[in-house]
Amino acid sequence: MPRYDEILHGYSEERPLTREEAVVLLQTPDEQLGELIKKAGELRRKYKGNKVSVQLLTNVRSGNCSQDCTYCAQSCRSEADIEKYRSIPDEKLYADNSAVNEKHLARHCIGLSGISFTDGEIAELADRIQKMKKSGTHICCSIGFLTEKQARMLRDAGLDRINHNLNTSRRFYPNICSTHTCEQRIENLRMLKRIGFEICCGGIIGMGESEEDVADMLLDIREISPQSVPINFLLPIKGTLLAEKNPPRLTTEYCIKVLCLARLMLPKADIRCAAGREVYFAGREKTLFGIVDSIFAAGYLTAGGQSIDDTLQLIASLGYEAAVDSTGE
C-alpha cells in the first residue's frame, strides 16, 4: 500500500481513490496535513472558485420520531430537553424563507422529524413549499422515507432538492439505529434521484465508527453522486444515548482529513461542513474554507449555531464570497 504522500502525488480525478487509499489518507500524520489540504484546496478552487453557499435550516416538525437513532435528540429513545411540535407555525416558516432571500443565502433547508408521512401531510407540505417557491427560493427538504407518489407531489410543488444522509457505513449502521437499515436509505435515494430530484447526501463523524467506516460511507455516497455532501461532526446532546455512552473523540485535524477526503472523492460536489463547524473549527476557519464551499448558518435543527450576519461577516473577512450558486467557473 502506498504512503499518503504517494497517493496524493499520483491522485487523478480520472482514477477514483480506492477504499484502501481513502483509509491511508485518513491516517495522514497530523504534522503532514499541509499537502492533503493543498490538494483538496486545488479542487475546491477549480470547481467552486471563491464562493461559499450558506444555507438556513428550519425545523418544520420537531421530536416525537418513531426511529431509535442513538445520535438524534428527536429520537424515540432520546431524553433530550428539546422543543417538540407537529408543525411549525406558518409565520415562522415564511419569515425564515424571507430571511433566506433578504440575506441572499443559497438555500432554505427544511427538516421534518419522522420516518413516514400520510399523503395528507405531504399535500400540506407541498402547499407550503409552493408558496415559498413563489419568491424564487431554492429549497431542500430533509424528510424520511417517501413513497414515489409523495415524492412526485413535492417535485410538482417545486421542491428542488432532498436531503437524505447515509450517516455512516452499512457495517456500522446497526450500531446507531435498529428501526431501519442503511440499505433502505440507499434505495430511497435511488428512487428520489430517478424521478429527478437534486440530491443532498452526507454523514456524521464521531459516533464510534472506524476510519474504514468513513471510507465505506464516502464510497457509497460517491456512487450516489449527490450535488451536495454535508459532513456533520457529532454534537453530543445531553439526553441522547450516544452522548451518554460514546461521546465523540474528535480532533480538528481528523475533521480536516475527513473533509479533504470528501473533496478528493467527490471533487465537483458541494462539500458542506455542517454540524460542529463552530465547535471543531473555531480559530481554524481559514483552513476550513479552503476545503469546503458550503455551510449552515443559525443552527442545526435542535442545536444552535453562528448567526447569519456573523457567518456572512466571517466569510467576507476571510476573502470569500457568499453566493446563491456556489459553482465556480
Protein backbone atom coordinates (compact mmCIF):
# COMPACT_ATOMS: atom_id res chain seq x y z
CA MET A 1 0.00 0.00 0.00
CA PRO A 2 1.48 3.40 -0.97
CA ARG A 3 2.06 6.12 1.59
CA TYR A 4 -0.29 9.08 1.91
CA ASP A 5 2.16 11.37 0.05
CA GLU A 6 2.50 8.89 -2.80
CA ILE A 7 -1.29 8.68 -3.09
CA LEU A 8 -1.57 12.48 -3.26
CA HIS A 9 1.25 12.72 -5.81
CA GLY A 10 -0.49 10.17 -8.04
CA TYR A 11 -4.02 11.49 -7.48
CA SER A 12 -6.13 11.93 -10.58
CA GLU A 13 -9.83 12.66 -10.94
CA GLU A 14 -9.88 10.12 -13.76
CA ARG A 15 -8.79 7.34 -11.35
CA PRO A 16 -11.06 7.36 -8.29
CA LEU A 17 -9.49 6.64 -4.93
CA THR A 18 -9.78 3.08 -3.69
CA ARG A 19 -11.04 2.12 -0.24
CA GLU A 20 -7.51 1.33 0.91
CA GLU A 21 -6.18 4.65 -0.35
CA ALA A 22 -9.00 6.52 1.35
CA VAL A 23 -8.15 4.90 4.68
CA VAL A 24 -4.47 5.78 4.27
CA LEU A 25 -5.37 9.43 3.66
CA LEU A 26 -7.44 9.46 6.85
CA GLN A 27 -4.30 8.26 8.62
CA THR A 28 -2.16 11.14 7.31
CA PRO A 29 0.10 12.28 10.19
CA ASP A 30 -1.23 15.47 11.73
CA GLU A 31 2.08 17.24 11.20
CA GLN A 32 1.95 16.40 7.47
CA LEU A 33 -1.55 17.71 6.78
CA GLY A 34 -0.38 20.57 4.57
CA GLU A 35 -0.07 18.52 1.39
CA LEU A 36 -3.54 16.97 1.84
CA ILE A 37 -5.09 20.39 2.47
CA LYS A 38 -3.30 21.78 -0.58
CA LYS A 39 -4.64 19.06 -2.89
CA ALA A 40 -8.19 19.48 -1.59
CA GLY A 41 -7.86 23.24 -1.95
CA GLU A 42 -6.85 22.94 -5.60
CA LEU A 43 -10.06 21.02 -6.33
CA ARG A 44 -12.13 23.44 -4.29
CA ARG A 45 -10.84 26.39 -6.33
CA LYS A 46 -11.16 24.51 -9.61
CA TYR A 47 -14.84 23.72 -9.20
CA LYS A 48 -16.11 26.28 -6.67
CA GLY A 49 -13.87 29.28 -7.18
CA ASN A 50 -14.02 31.73 -4.31
CA LYS A 51 -17.68 31.16 -3.46
CA VAL A 52 -19.39 29.83 -0.34
CA SER A 53 -23.04 28.79 -0.25
CA VAL A 54 -24.81 29.46 3.04
CA GLN A 55 -27.95 27.52 3.97
CA LEU A 56 -30.58 28.32 6.59
CA LEU A 57 -32.18 25.31 8.27
CA THR A 58 -35.73 25.37 9.67
CA ASN A 59 -37.06 22.53 11.81
CA VAL A 60 -40.60 22.19 10.47
CA ARG A 61 -41.56 19.18 12.60
CA SER A 62 -39.60 18.54 15.80
CA GLY A 63 -39.33 15.48 18.03
CA ASN A 64 -41.64 12.51 18.57
CA CYS A 65 -39.82 10.44 15.96
CA SER A 66 -40.50 6.69 15.91
CA GLN A 67 -36.89 5.87 14.99
CA ASP A 68 -34.24 4.95 17.58
CA CYS A 69 -31.19 6.71 16.10
CA THR A 70 -28.80 6.99 19.04
CA TYR A 71 -27.28 10.33 17.97
CA CYS A 72 -30.53 12.23 17.49
CA ALA A 73 -32.26 14.42 20.06
CA GLN A 74 -35.57 13.82 18.26
CA SER A 75 -35.36 10.02 18.52
CA CYS A 76 -37.91 7.93 20.43
CA ARG A 77 -35.05 6.86 22.72
CA SER A 78 -33.85 10.39 23.40
CA GLU A 79 -34.43 12.13 26.72
CA ALA A 80 -33.03 15.42 25.44
CA ASP A 81 -34.81 18.56 26.51
CA ILE A 82 -35.95 19.87 23.14
CA GLU A 83 -39.00 21.65 21.82
CA LYS A 84 -41.49 19.25 20.24
CA TYR A 85 -44.21 20.15 17.76
CA ARG A 86 -46.08 18.59 14.86
CA SER A 87 -45.80 21.62 12.61
CA ILE A 88 -44.06 24.94 12.84
CA PRO A 89 -46.35 27.99 12.51
CA ASP A 90 -46.62 29.49 9.05
CA GLU A 91 -45.35 32.82 10.38
CA LYS A 92 -42.02 31.31 11.46
CA LEU A 93 -41.56 29.20 8.31
CA TYR A 94 -42.29 32.05 5.92
CA ALA A 95 -40.21 34.52 7.96
CA ASP A 96 -37.22 32.17 7.65
CA ASN A 97 -37.86 31.88 3.93
CA SER A 98 -37.89 35.67 3.63
CA ALA A 99 -34.60 35.84 5.55
CA VAL A 100 -33.01 33.49 3.01
CA ASN A 101 -33.96 35.86 0.20
CA GLU A 102 -33.20 39.09 2.04
CA LYS A 103 -29.74 37.88 3.09
CA HIS A 104 -29.08 36.35 -0.35
CA LEU A 105 -28.44 32.91 1.08
CA ALA A 106 -28.07 29.90 -1.16
CA ARG A 107 -30.91 27.73 0.03
CA HIS A 108 -33.68 27.23 2.56
CA CYS A 109 -33.36 23.75 4.06
CA ILE A 110 -36.40 22.43 5.90
CA GLY A 111 -36.33 19.36 8.12
CA LEU A 112 -39.16 17.15 9.36
CA SER A 113 -38.69 14.51 12.06
CA GLY A 114 -40.18 11.10 11.40
CA ILE A 115 -39.80 8.15 9.08
CA SER A 116 -43.10 8.23 7.16
CA PHE A 117 -45.94 10.59 6.38
CA THR A 118 -49.52 10.38 5.20
CA ASP A 119 -50.45 11.67 1.77
CA GLY A 120 -52.40 14.41 3.52
CA GLU A 121 -49.35 15.56 5.45
CA ILE A 122 -47.29 15.62 2.25
CA ALA A 123 -50.03 17.58 0.49
CA GLU A 124 -49.91 20.21 3.26
CA LEU A 125 -46.12 20.38 3.00
CA ALA A 126 -46.35 20.68 -0.79
CA ASP A 127 -48.69 23.64 -0.41
CA ARG A 128 -46.23 25.40 1.90
CA ILE A 129 -43.34 24.70 -0.46
CA GLN A 130 -45.34 26.05 -3.40
CA LYS A 131 -45.95 29.29 -1.52
CA MET A 132 -42.25 29.67 -0.64
CA LYS A 133 -41.19 28.92 -4.20
CA LYS A 134 -43.14 31.96 -5.41
CA SER A 135 -40.29 34.11 -4.09
CA GLY A 136 -37.74 32.07 -6.07
CA THR A 137 -36.14 30.38 -3.06
CA HIS A 138 -34.04 27.28 -3.62
CA ILE A 139 -35.50 24.72 -1.20
CA CYS A 140 -34.11 21.45 0.12
CA CYS A 141 -36.18 19.14 2.32
CA SER A 142 -34.78 16.66 4.83
CA ILE A 143 -37.50 14.09 5.29
CA GLY A 144 -37.96 10.38 5.97
CA PHE A 145 -38.87 7.63 3.53
CA LEU A 146 -41.28 8.93 0.93
CA THR A 147 -43.41 6.85 -1.38
CA GLU A 148 -42.88 7.59 -5.05
CA LYS A 149 -46.32 9.21 -5.15
CA GLN A 150 -45.40 11.52 -2.28
CA ALA A 151 -42.03 12.37 -3.80
CA ARG A 152 -43.74 13.38 -7.04
CA MET A 153 -46.18 15.56 -5.10
CA LEU A 154 -43.25 17.50 -3.65
CA ARG A 155 -41.50 17.62 -7.01
CA ASP A 156 -44.63 19.06 -8.63
CA ALA A 157 -44.78 21.70 -5.87
CA GLY A 158 -41.34 22.91 -6.93
CA LEU A 159 -39.07 21.27 -4.34
CA ASP A 160 -35.57 21.39 -5.79
CA ARG A 161 -33.55 19.05 -3.62
CA ILE A 162 -33.97 16.35 -0.98
CA ASN A 163 -31.52 15.59 1.79
CA HIS A 164 -31.24 12.01 2.94
CA ASN A 165 -27.98 11.23 4.71
CA LEU A 166 -26.41 7.78 4.89
CA ASN A 167 -24.87 8.88 8.21
CA THR A 168 -22.33 6.03 8.36
CA SER A 169 -21.27 2.80 6.69
CA ARG A 170 -23.51 -0.20 6.07
CA ARG A 171 -21.40 -2.22 8.50
CA PHE A 172 -21.64 0.28 11.35
CA TYR A 173 -25.26 1.31 10.81
CA PRO A 174 -26.79 -1.27 13.21
CA ASN A 175 -24.76 0.37 15.99
CA ILE A 176 -26.67 3.65 15.62
CA CYS A 177 -30.14 2.53 14.53
CA SER A 178 -32.22 -0.65 14.66
CA THR A 179 -35.56 0.58 13.26
CA HIS A 180 -34.40 0.86 9.66
CA THR A 181 -31.31 -0.05 7.64
CA CYS A 182 -28.69 1.75 5.60
CA GLU A 183 -29.82 -0.23 2.58
CA GLN A 184 -33.31 1.25 2.93
CA ARG A 185 -31.77 4.72 2.87
CA ILE A 186 -29.80 3.93 -0.26
CA GLU A 187 -32.87 2.53 -2.02
CA ASN A 188 -34.85 5.64 -1.09
CA LEU A 189 -32.13 7.84 -2.56
CA ARG A 190 -32.15 5.86 -5.81
CA MET A 191 -35.89 6.45 -6.16
CA LEU A 192 -35.58 10.17 -5.44
CA LYS A 193 -32.77 10.53 -7.95
CA ARG A 194 -34.67 8.55 -10.58
CA ILE A 195 -37.64 10.93 -10.53
CA GLY A 196 -35.46 13.98 -10.92
CA PHE A 197 -34.55 15.47 -7.54
CA GLU A 198 -31.21 17.03 -6.82
CA ILE A 199 -29.68 15.00 -4.00
CA CYS A 200 -28.02 16.07 -0.77
CA CYS A 201 -26.38 13.10 0.98
CA GLY A 202 -23.73 13.04 3.68
CA GLY A 203 -22.91 11.60 7.08
CA ILE A 204 -21.99 12.03 10.71
CA ILE A 205 -18.48 11.70 12.08
CA GLY A 206 -17.71 10.89 15.72
CA MET A 207 -20.20 8.14 16.56
CA GLY A 208 -17.56 5.49 17.25
CA GLU A 209 -17.07 4.44 13.64
CA SER A 210 -13.67 3.38 12.27
CA GLU A 211 -11.67 5.03 9.51
CA GLU A 212 -12.76 2.14 7.30
CA ASP A 213 -16.39 3.00 8.02
CA VAL A 214 -15.81 6.61 6.96
CA ALA A 215 -14.19 5.44 3.74
CA ASP A 216 -17.03 2.99 3.03
CA MET A 217 -19.66 5.66 3.66
CA LEU A 218 -17.96 8.06 1.24
CA LEU A 219 -17.66 5.30 -1.36
CA ASP A 220 -21.41 4.72 -1.19
CA ILE A 221 -22.05 8.47 -1.39
CA ARG A 222 -19.73 8.72 -4.39
CA GLU A 223 -21.79 6.04 -6.15
CA ILE A 224 -24.97 8.04 -5.46
CA SER A 225 -23.24 11.14 -6.89
CA PRO A 226 -25.16 13.84 -4.99
CA GLN A 227 -24.97 17.56 -5.71
CA SER A 228 -24.23 18.26 -2.04
CA VAL A 229 -22.34 16.32 0.64
CA PRO A 230 -22.93 17.60 4.20
CA ILE A 231 -20.44 16.28 6.73
CA ASN A 232 -21.65 16.58 10.32
CA PHE A 233 -19.30 16.31 13.28
CA LEU A 234 -21.22 14.96 16.23
CA LEU A 235 -22.51 17.47 18.73
CA PRO A 236 -23.21 15.35 21.81
CA ILE A 237 -26.63 16.45 23.06
CA LYS A 238 -27.40 15.61 26.67
CA GLY A 239 -30.13 13.01 26.84
CA THR A 240 -29.22 11.19 23.64
CA LEU A 241 -27.95 7.64 24.05
CA LEU A 242 -24.79 8.24 22.04
CA ALA A 243 -23.76 11.30 24.02
CA GLU A 244 -24.08 9.39 27.29
CA LYS A 245 -22.36 6.16 26.25
CA ASN A 246 -19.94 7.07 23.47
CA PRO A 247 -19.02 10.76 23.40
CA PRO A 248 -17.04 11.82 20.31
CA ARG A 249 -13.26 11.77 20.37
CA LEU A 250 -12.64 14.13 17.51
CA THR A 251 -9.71 16.43 16.86
CA THR A 252 -9.77 19.33 14.44
CA GLU A 253 -7.01 17.62 12.47
CA TYR A 254 -9.06 14.47 11.97
CA CYS A 255 -12.11 16.52 10.96
CA ILE A 256 -9.95 18.26 8.35
CA LYS A 257 -8.82 14.88 6.99
CA VAL A 258 -12.43 13.74 6.57
CA LEU A 259 -13.40 16.92 4.70
CA CYS A 260 -10.33 16.71 2.48
CA LEU A 261 -11.13 13.09 1.65
CA ALA A 262 -14.71 14.03 0.80
CA ARG A 263 -13.38 16.72 -1.55
CA LEU A 264 -10.97 14.29 -3.23
CA MET A 265 -13.65 11.63 -3.63
CA LEU A 266 -16.40 13.99 -4.85
CA PRO A 267 -14.49 16.97 -6.26
CA LYS A 268 -17.43 18.53 -8.13
CA ALA A 269 -19.96 18.31 -5.30
CA ASP A 270 -20.71 20.98 -2.74
CA ILE A 271 -18.76 19.81 0.31
CA ARG A 272 -20.53 21.21 3.35
CA CYS A 273 -19.19 21.46 6.86
CA ALA A 274 -22.48 21.10 8.70
CA ALA A 275 -23.00 20.47 12.43
CA GLY A 276 -19.90 21.00 14.55
CA ARG A 277 -18.39 23.81 12.48
CA GLU A 278 -18.44 26.29 15.34
CA VAL A 279 -17.02 23.72 17.79
CA TYR A 280 -14.32 21.81 15.93
CA PHE A 281 -13.08 24.60 13.64
CA ALA A 282 -13.02 27.58 15.98
CA GLY A 283 -9.89 29.52 15.05
CA ARG A 284 -9.26 27.30 12.01
CA GLU A 285 -11.85 28.81 9.70
CA LYS A 286 -9.28 29.89 7.10
CA THR A 287 -8.21 26.30 6.63
CA LEU A 288 -11.82 25.12 6.64
CA PHE A 289 -12.98 27.42 3.85
CA GLY A 290 -10.01 26.40 1.78
CA ILE A 291 -11.59 22.93 1.64
CA VAL A 292 -15.36 23.35 1.86
CA ASP A 293 -17.68 25.61 -0.12
CA SER A 294 -20.91 25.18 1.81
CA ILE A 295 -22.09 25.74 5.40
CA PHE A 296 -25.16 26.34 7.56
CA ALA A 297 -25.91 29.49 9.49
CA ALA A 298 -28.09 29.99 12.57
CA GLY A 299 -28.17 26.43 13.87
CA TYR A 300 -28.80 22.74 13.24
CA LEU A 301 -32.38 21.57 13.95
CA THR A 302 -32.09 21.18 17.76
CA ALA A 303 -28.65 22.78 18.25
CA GLY A 304 -27.68 26.43 17.98
CA GLY A 305 -25.08 27.93 15.69
CA GLN A 306 -23.42 31.10 14.46
CA SER A 307 -25.88 33.81 13.39
CA ILE A 308 -26.47 34.65 9.74
CA ASP A 309 -24.86 38.07 9.99
CA ASP A 310 -21.81 36.77 11.85
CA THR A 311 -21.45 33.95 9.34
CA LEU A 312 -21.57 36.32 6.38
CA GLN A 313 -19.08 38.63 8.08
CA LEU A 314 -16.72 35.70 8.70
CA ILE A 315 -16.88 34.63 5.05
CA ALA A 316 -16.07 38.14 3.84
CA SER A 317 -13.25 38.61 6.37
CA LEU A 318 -11.52 35.51 5.00
CA GLY A 319 -11.72 36.79 1.43
CA TYR A 320 -14.56 34.58 0.22
CA GLU A 321 -17.86 35.49 -1.40
CA ALA A 322 -21.21 34.27 -0.11
CA ALA A 323 -23.18 33.34 -3.20
CA VAL A 324 -26.51 31.80 -4.07
CA ASP A 325 -24.75 29.49 -6.53
CA SER A 326 -21.51 28.07 -5.19
CA THR A 327 -20.43 26.66 -8.52
CA GLY A 328 -17.23 28.25 -9.74
CA GLU A 329 -16.28 28.80 -13.33
